[in-house]
Every structure is written in structure tokens, then in C-alpha cells.
């Protein structure tokens, strides 16, 4: 049986990912870019988050394009409400803006 080095629990019962996600204060804002295009910016992630996987899940769930860079995720279009609900389902704590 493998034991998690961070929390000391067995790998099957490890809560490190949930603790990391619940400690982060995620902010979601709507931004206007060139030519009047709307972009949803999700920020507030720490270094331990896997932005690539989170962005992949968000883009897949919301059926939109986007990218991740500089501890931020950018989603094409006005996705604030849907992104907030998806992040809450992923056990992140989202601040109201």
C-alpha cells in the first residue's frame, strides 16, 4: 500500500488535491480584447495547480477555445457563470466578483 508523502494517508484516501483546491481563491472576470471580442479570464491559481488539466476540462465542458499562461486560464466568449459553476464542481473556492 502506497502512502502519500504530503498528508500521510494511503493513496486511495489522499486529500491533498482537495486541500490545495479549497485553499485557492479563484477570480473570474470578463475582459474585452481586440476587435471587441469577449474573453473570460480565470485567475488565482497557485504553483501546485495543473493549469493544463484544469483548462482542458473547462474548455471541454464549456465547448469553447482558450489557453493557459502566467497562472491564468483564458476562455473564449462570455463564460463567467458556466465557468464558475464548473470550478465549484471541481471543488475550487470561487470569489464573487
N, C-alpha and C. Protein backbone atom coordinates (compact mmCIF):
# COMPACT_ATOMS: atom_id res chain seq x y z
N UNK A 1 0.84 -1.17 0.00
CA UNK A 1 0.00 0.00 0.00
C UNK A 1 0.90 1.24 0.00
N UNK A 2 0.62 2.15 -0.97
CA UNK A 2 1.41 3.37 -1.08
C UNK A 2 0.84 4.46 -0.17
N UNK A 3 1.73 5.26 0.38
CA UNK A 3 1.32 6.33 1.29
C UNK A 3 1.73 7.67 0.68
N UNK A 4 0.84 8.64 0.74
CA UNK A 4 1.11 9.98 0.22
C UNK A 4 2.15 10.67 1.10
N UNK A 5 3.20 11.23 0.51
CA UNK A 5 4.23 11.88 1.32
C UNK A 5 3.78 13.20 1.94
N UNK A 6 2.75 13.84 1.38
CA UNK A 6 2.29 15.12 1.91
C UNK A 6 1.36 14.97 3.10
N UNK A 7 0.30 14.15 2.95
CA UNK A 7 -0.71 14.06 4.01
C UNK A 7 -0.56 12.82 4.88
N UNK A 8 0.20 11.82 4.43
CA UNK A 8 0.43 10.63 5.23
C UNK A 8 -0.69 9.60 5.15
N UNK A 9 -1.67 9.83 4.30
CA UNK A 9 -2.77 8.89 4.12
C UNK A 9 -2.46 7.96 2.96
N UNK A 10 -3.15 6.80 2.90
CA UNK A 10 -2.98 5.93 1.73
C UNK A 10 -3.39 6.67 0.46
N UNK A 11 -2.78 6.32 -0.67
CA UNK A 11 -3.05 6.99 -1.94
C UNK A 11 -4.54 7.01 -2.28
N UNK A 12 -5.27 5.95 -1.93
CA UNK A 12 -6.70 5.88 -2.24
C UNK A 12 -7.50 6.92 -1.45
N UNK A 13 -7.04 7.28 -0.26
CA UNK A 13 -7.76 8.21 0.61
C UNK A 13 -7.08 9.58 0.67
N UNK A 14 -6.14 9.85 -0.19
CA UNK A 14 -5.37 11.09 -0.17
C UNK A 14 -6.29 12.30 -0.38
N UNK A 15 -6.10 13.33 0.44
CA UNK A 15 -6.92 14.54 0.34
C UNK A 15 -6.10 15.76 -0.06
N UNK A 16 -4.88 15.57 -0.48
CA UNK A 16 -4.00 16.69 -0.83
C UNK A 16 -4.59 17.55 -1.94
N UNK A 17 -5.10 16.93 -2.99
CA UNK A 17 -5.67 17.67 -4.11
C UNK A 17 -6.85 18.51 -3.70
N UNK A 18 -7.70 17.97 -2.84
CA UNK A 18 -8.87 18.72 -2.37
C UNK A 18 -8.45 19.89 -1.50
N UNK A 19 -7.44 19.68 -0.65
CA UNK A 19 -6.97 20.76 0.22
C UNK A 19 -6.34 21.88 -0.59
N UNK A 20 -5.56 21.51 -1.58
CA UNK A 20 -4.91 22.52 -2.43
C UNK A 20 -5.96 23.33 -3.16
N UNK A 21 -6.97 22.67 -3.70
CA UNK A 21 -8.01 23.37 -4.44
C UNK A 21 -8.85 24.26 -3.55
N UNK A 22 -9.16 23.81 -2.34
CA UNK A 22 -10.03 24.61 -1.47
C UNK A 22 -9.32 25.83 -0.89
N UNK A 23 -7.98 25.82 -0.84
CA UNK A 23 -7.23 26.96 -0.31
C UNK A 23 -7.09 28.10 -1.30
N UNK A 24 -7.25 27.83 -2.58
CA UNK A 24 -7.05 28.86 -3.60
C UNK A 24 -8.29 29.74 -3.72
N UNK A 25 -8.08 31.02 -3.93
CA UNK A 25 -9.16 31.98 -4.15
C UNK A 25 -9.20 32.32 -5.63
N UNK A 26 -10.10 31.68 -6.35
CA UNK A 26 -10.19 31.83 -7.79
C UNK A 26 -11.07 33.04 -8.12
N UNK A 27 -10.60 33.85 -9.07
CA UNK A 27 -11.35 35.01 -9.54
C UNK A 27 -11.67 34.82 -11.02
N UNK A 28 -12.91 35.15 -11.38
CA UNK A 28 -13.33 35.04 -12.78
C UNK A 28 -13.80 36.42 -13.22
N UNK A 29 -13.18 36.93 -14.28
CA UNK A 29 -13.58 38.23 -14.80
C UNK A 29 -13.83 38.14 -16.31
N UNK A 30 -14.60 39.08 -16.81
CA UNK A 30 -14.89 39.20 -18.23
C UNK A 30 -14.03 40.35 -18.75
N UNK A 31 -13.34 40.14 -19.86
CA UNK A 31 -12.45 41.15 -20.41
C UNK A 31 -12.76 41.33 -21.89
N UNK A 32 -12.51 42.52 -22.39
CA UNK A 32 -12.74 42.79 -23.81
C UNK A 32 -11.38 42.94 -24.48
N UNK A 33 -11.19 42.23 -25.56
CA UNK A 33 -9.91 42.23 -26.28
C UNK A 33 -10.05 42.96 -27.61
N UNK A 34 -9.07 42.77 -28.46
CA UNK A 34 -9.07 43.42 -29.76
C UNK A 34 -10.33 43.11 -30.55
N UNK A 35 -10.77 44.06 -31.29
CA UNK A 35 -11.94 43.94 -32.16
C UNK A 35 -13.21 43.64 -31.38
N UNK A 36 -13.25 43.98 -30.08
CA UNK A 36 -14.46 43.81 -29.28
C UNK A 36 -14.76 42.40 -28.85
N UNK A 37 -13.81 41.50 -28.96
CA UNK A 37 -14.03 40.11 -28.56
C UNK A 37 -14.03 39.98 -27.04
N UNK A 38 -14.97 39.20 -26.51
CA UNK A 38 -15.08 38.98 -25.07
C UNK A 38 -14.27 37.74 -24.69
N UNK A 39 -13.52 37.85 -23.59
CA UNK A 39 -12.71 36.75 -23.08
C UNK A 39 -13.00 36.62 -21.59
N UNK A 40 -13.15 35.39 -21.10
CA UNK A 40 -13.31 35.12 -19.68
C UNK A 40 -11.95 34.73 -19.13
N UNK A 41 -11.49 35.45 -18.10
CA UNK A 41 -10.17 35.20 -17.51
C UNK A 41 -10.36 34.62 -16.11
N UNK A 42 -9.80 33.43 -15.89
CA UNK A 42 -9.86 32.75 -14.60
C UNK A 42 -8.45 32.82 -14.00
N UNK A 43 -8.33 33.46 -12.83
CA UNK A 43 -7.01 33.63 -12.22
C UNK A 43 -7.06 33.28 -10.74
N UNK A 44 -5.90 33.28 -10.10
CA UNK A 44 -5.81 32.99 -8.68
C UNK A 44 -5.28 31.61 -8.37
N UNK A 45 -4.75 30.92 -9.36
CA UNK A 45 -4.20 29.59 -9.15
C UNK A 45 -2.81 29.71 -8.56
N UNK A 46 -2.42 28.72 -7.74
CA UNK A 46 -1.06 28.72 -7.20
C UNK A 46 -0.16 27.82 -8.05
N UNK A 47 1.09 27.70 -7.64
CA UNK A 47 2.07 26.94 -8.41
C UNK A 47 1.77 25.45 -8.47
N UNK A 48 1.08 24.92 -7.48
CA UNK A 48 0.85 23.49 -7.42
C UNK A 48 -0.29 23.02 -8.31
N UNK A 49 -1.08 23.94 -8.85
CA UNK A 49 -2.21 23.57 -9.70
C UNK A 49 -1.71 23.15 -11.08
N UNK A 50 -2.41 22.19 -11.66
CA UNK A 50 -2.10 21.75 -13.01
C UNK A 50 -3.01 22.50 -13.97
N UNK A 51 -2.55 23.68 -14.40
CA UNK A 51 -3.39 24.53 -15.25
C UNK A 51 -3.76 23.87 -16.55
N UNK A 52 -2.89 23.06 -17.07
CA UNK A 52 -3.18 22.39 -18.34
C UNK A 52 -4.41 21.51 -18.22
N UNK A 53 -4.48 20.71 -17.18
CA UNK A 53 -5.62 19.81 -16.98
C UNK A 53 -6.89 20.58 -16.66
N UNK A 54 -6.78 21.62 -15.83
CA UNK A 54 -7.96 22.41 -15.48
C UNK A 54 -8.50 23.12 -16.71
N UNK A 55 -7.61 23.71 -17.52
CA UNK A 55 -8.04 24.39 -18.75
C UNK A 55 -8.67 23.41 -19.72
N UNK A 56 -8.10 22.23 -19.81
CA UNK A 56 -8.64 21.20 -20.71
C UNK A 56 -10.06 20.82 -20.31
N UNK A 57 -10.28 20.62 -18.99
CA UNK A 57 -11.61 20.29 -18.51
C UNK A 57 -12.61 21.41 -18.76
N UNK A 58 -12.20 22.65 -18.48
CA UNK A 58 -13.09 23.79 -18.69
C UNK A 58 -13.46 23.94 -20.17
N UNK A 59 -12.47 23.87 -21.05
CA UNK A 59 -12.73 24.03 -22.47
C UNK A 59 -13.64 22.93 -23.00
N UNK A 60 -13.44 21.73 -22.51
CA UNK A 60 -14.26 20.60 -22.94
C UNK A 60 -15.70 20.76 -22.45
N UNK A 61 -15.86 21.10 -21.19
CA UNK A 61 -17.18 21.23 -20.59
C UNK A 61 -17.96 22.41 -21.18
N UNK A 62 -17.27 23.53 -21.44
CA UNK A 62 -17.94 24.74 -21.91
C UNK A 62 -17.99 24.84 -23.43
N UNK A 63 -17.38 23.91 -24.12
CA UNK A 63 -17.37 23.86 -25.58
C UNK A 63 -16.85 25.18 -26.17
N UNK A 64 -15.68 25.59 -25.71
CA UNK A 64 -15.09 26.82 -26.22
C UNK A 64 -13.58 26.63 -26.34
N UNK A 65 -12.94 27.57 -26.99
CA UNK A 65 -11.50 27.56 -27.09
C UNK A 65 -10.89 28.33 -25.94
N UNK A 66 -9.59 28.27 -25.84
CA UNK A 66 -8.93 29.01 -24.78
C UNK A 66 -7.48 28.61 -24.64
N UNK A 67 -6.83 29.19 -23.64
CA UNK A 67 -5.43 28.92 -23.39
C UNK A 67 -5.14 29.10 -21.91
N UNK A 68 -3.93 28.72 -21.50
CA UNK A 68 -3.47 28.94 -20.13
C UNK A 68 -2.07 29.50 -20.20
N UNK A 69 -1.81 30.52 -19.37
CA UNK A 69 -0.47 31.10 -19.30
C UNK A 69 -0.40 32.01 -18.08
N UNK A 70 0.77 32.15 -17.51
CA UNK A 70 1.01 33.04 -16.37
C UNK A 70 0.01 32.84 -15.24
N UNK A 71 -0.26 31.60 -14.86
CA UNK A 71 -1.19 31.25 -13.78
C UNK A 71 -2.61 31.74 -14.03
N UNK A 72 -2.98 31.87 -15.31
CA UNK A 72 -4.32 32.28 -15.71
C UNK A 72 -4.83 31.35 -16.79
N UNK A 73 -6.15 31.22 -16.85
CA UNK A 73 -6.80 30.50 -17.93
C UNK A 73 -7.68 31.50 -18.66
N UNK A 74 -7.57 31.56 -19.98
CA UNK A 74 -8.39 32.44 -20.79
C UNK A 74 -9.32 31.58 -21.63
N UNK A 75 -10.62 31.86 -21.54
CA UNK A 75 -11.62 31.14 -22.30
C UNK A 75 -12.29 32.10 -23.28
N UNK A 76 -12.54 31.64 -24.49
CA UNK A 76 -13.17 32.49 -25.49
C UNK A 76 -14.64 32.66 -25.17
N UNK A 77 -15.12 33.89 -25.25
CA UNK A 77 -16.54 34.17 -25.05
C UNK A 77 -16.87 34.51 -23.61
N UNK A 78 -18.13 34.84 -23.38
CA UNK A 78 -18.63 35.18 -22.05
C UNK A 78 -19.04 33.88 -21.35
N UNK A 79 -18.14 33.32 -20.56
CA UNK A 79 -18.34 32.02 -19.91
C UNK A 79 -18.34 32.12 -18.39
N UNK A 80 -18.60 33.32 -17.84
CA UNK A 80 -18.43 33.54 -16.41
C UNK A 80 -19.29 32.61 -15.57
N UNK A 81 -20.59 32.57 -15.81
CA UNK A 81 -21.50 31.76 -14.98
C UNK A 81 -21.19 30.27 -15.10
N UNK A 82 -20.99 29.81 -16.33
CA UNK A 82 -20.72 28.38 -16.55
C UNK A 82 -19.37 27.97 -15.95
N UNK A 83 -18.36 28.83 -16.13
CA UNK A 83 -17.03 28.52 -15.59
C UNK A 83 -17.07 28.50 -14.07
N UNK A 84 -17.80 29.43 -13.47
CA UNK A 84 -17.91 29.46 -12.01
C UNK A 84 -18.53 28.17 -11.49
N UNK A 85 -19.62 27.73 -12.12
CA UNK A 85 -20.29 26.51 -11.68
C UNK A 85 -19.38 25.29 -11.86
N UNK A 86 -18.67 25.22 -12.97
CA UNK A 86 -17.77 24.09 -13.21
C UNK A 86 -16.63 24.06 -12.20
N UNK A 87 -16.07 25.22 -11.87
CA UNK A 87 -14.97 25.28 -10.89
C UNK A 87 -15.46 24.91 -9.50
N UNK A 88 -16.68 25.29 -9.16
CA UNK A 88 -17.24 24.89 -7.87
C UNK A 88 -17.42 23.37 -7.84
N UNK A 89 -17.86 22.80 -8.95
CA UNK A 89 -17.98 21.33 -9.04
C UNK A 89 -16.63 20.64 -8.94
N UNK A 90 -15.58 21.33 -9.36
CA UNK A 90 -14.22 20.78 -9.28
C UNK A 90 -13.60 21.05 -7.91
N UNK A 91 -14.39 21.56 -6.96
CA UNK A 91 -14.02 21.80 -5.56
C UNK A 91 -13.05 22.96 -5.36
N UNK A 92 -13.09 23.95 -6.26
CA UNK A 92 -12.36 25.19 -6.05
C UNK A 92 -13.26 26.17 -5.32
N UNK A 93 -12.66 27.11 -4.61
CA UNK A 93 -13.43 28.16 -3.95
C UNK A 93 -13.35 29.40 -4.85
N UNK A 94 -14.51 29.81 -5.38
CA UNK A 94 -14.58 30.91 -6.33
C UNK A 94 -15.10 32.15 -5.63
N UNK A 95 -14.37 33.27 -5.77
CA UNK A 95 -14.79 34.53 -5.18
C UNK A 95 -15.84 35.19 -6.07
N UNK A 96 -16.81 35.84 -5.44
CA UNK A 96 -17.81 36.58 -6.20
C UNK A 96 -17.23 37.90 -6.66
N UNK A 97 -17.47 38.24 -7.90
CA UNK A 97 -16.96 39.49 -8.45
C UNK A 97 -18.11 40.42 -8.77
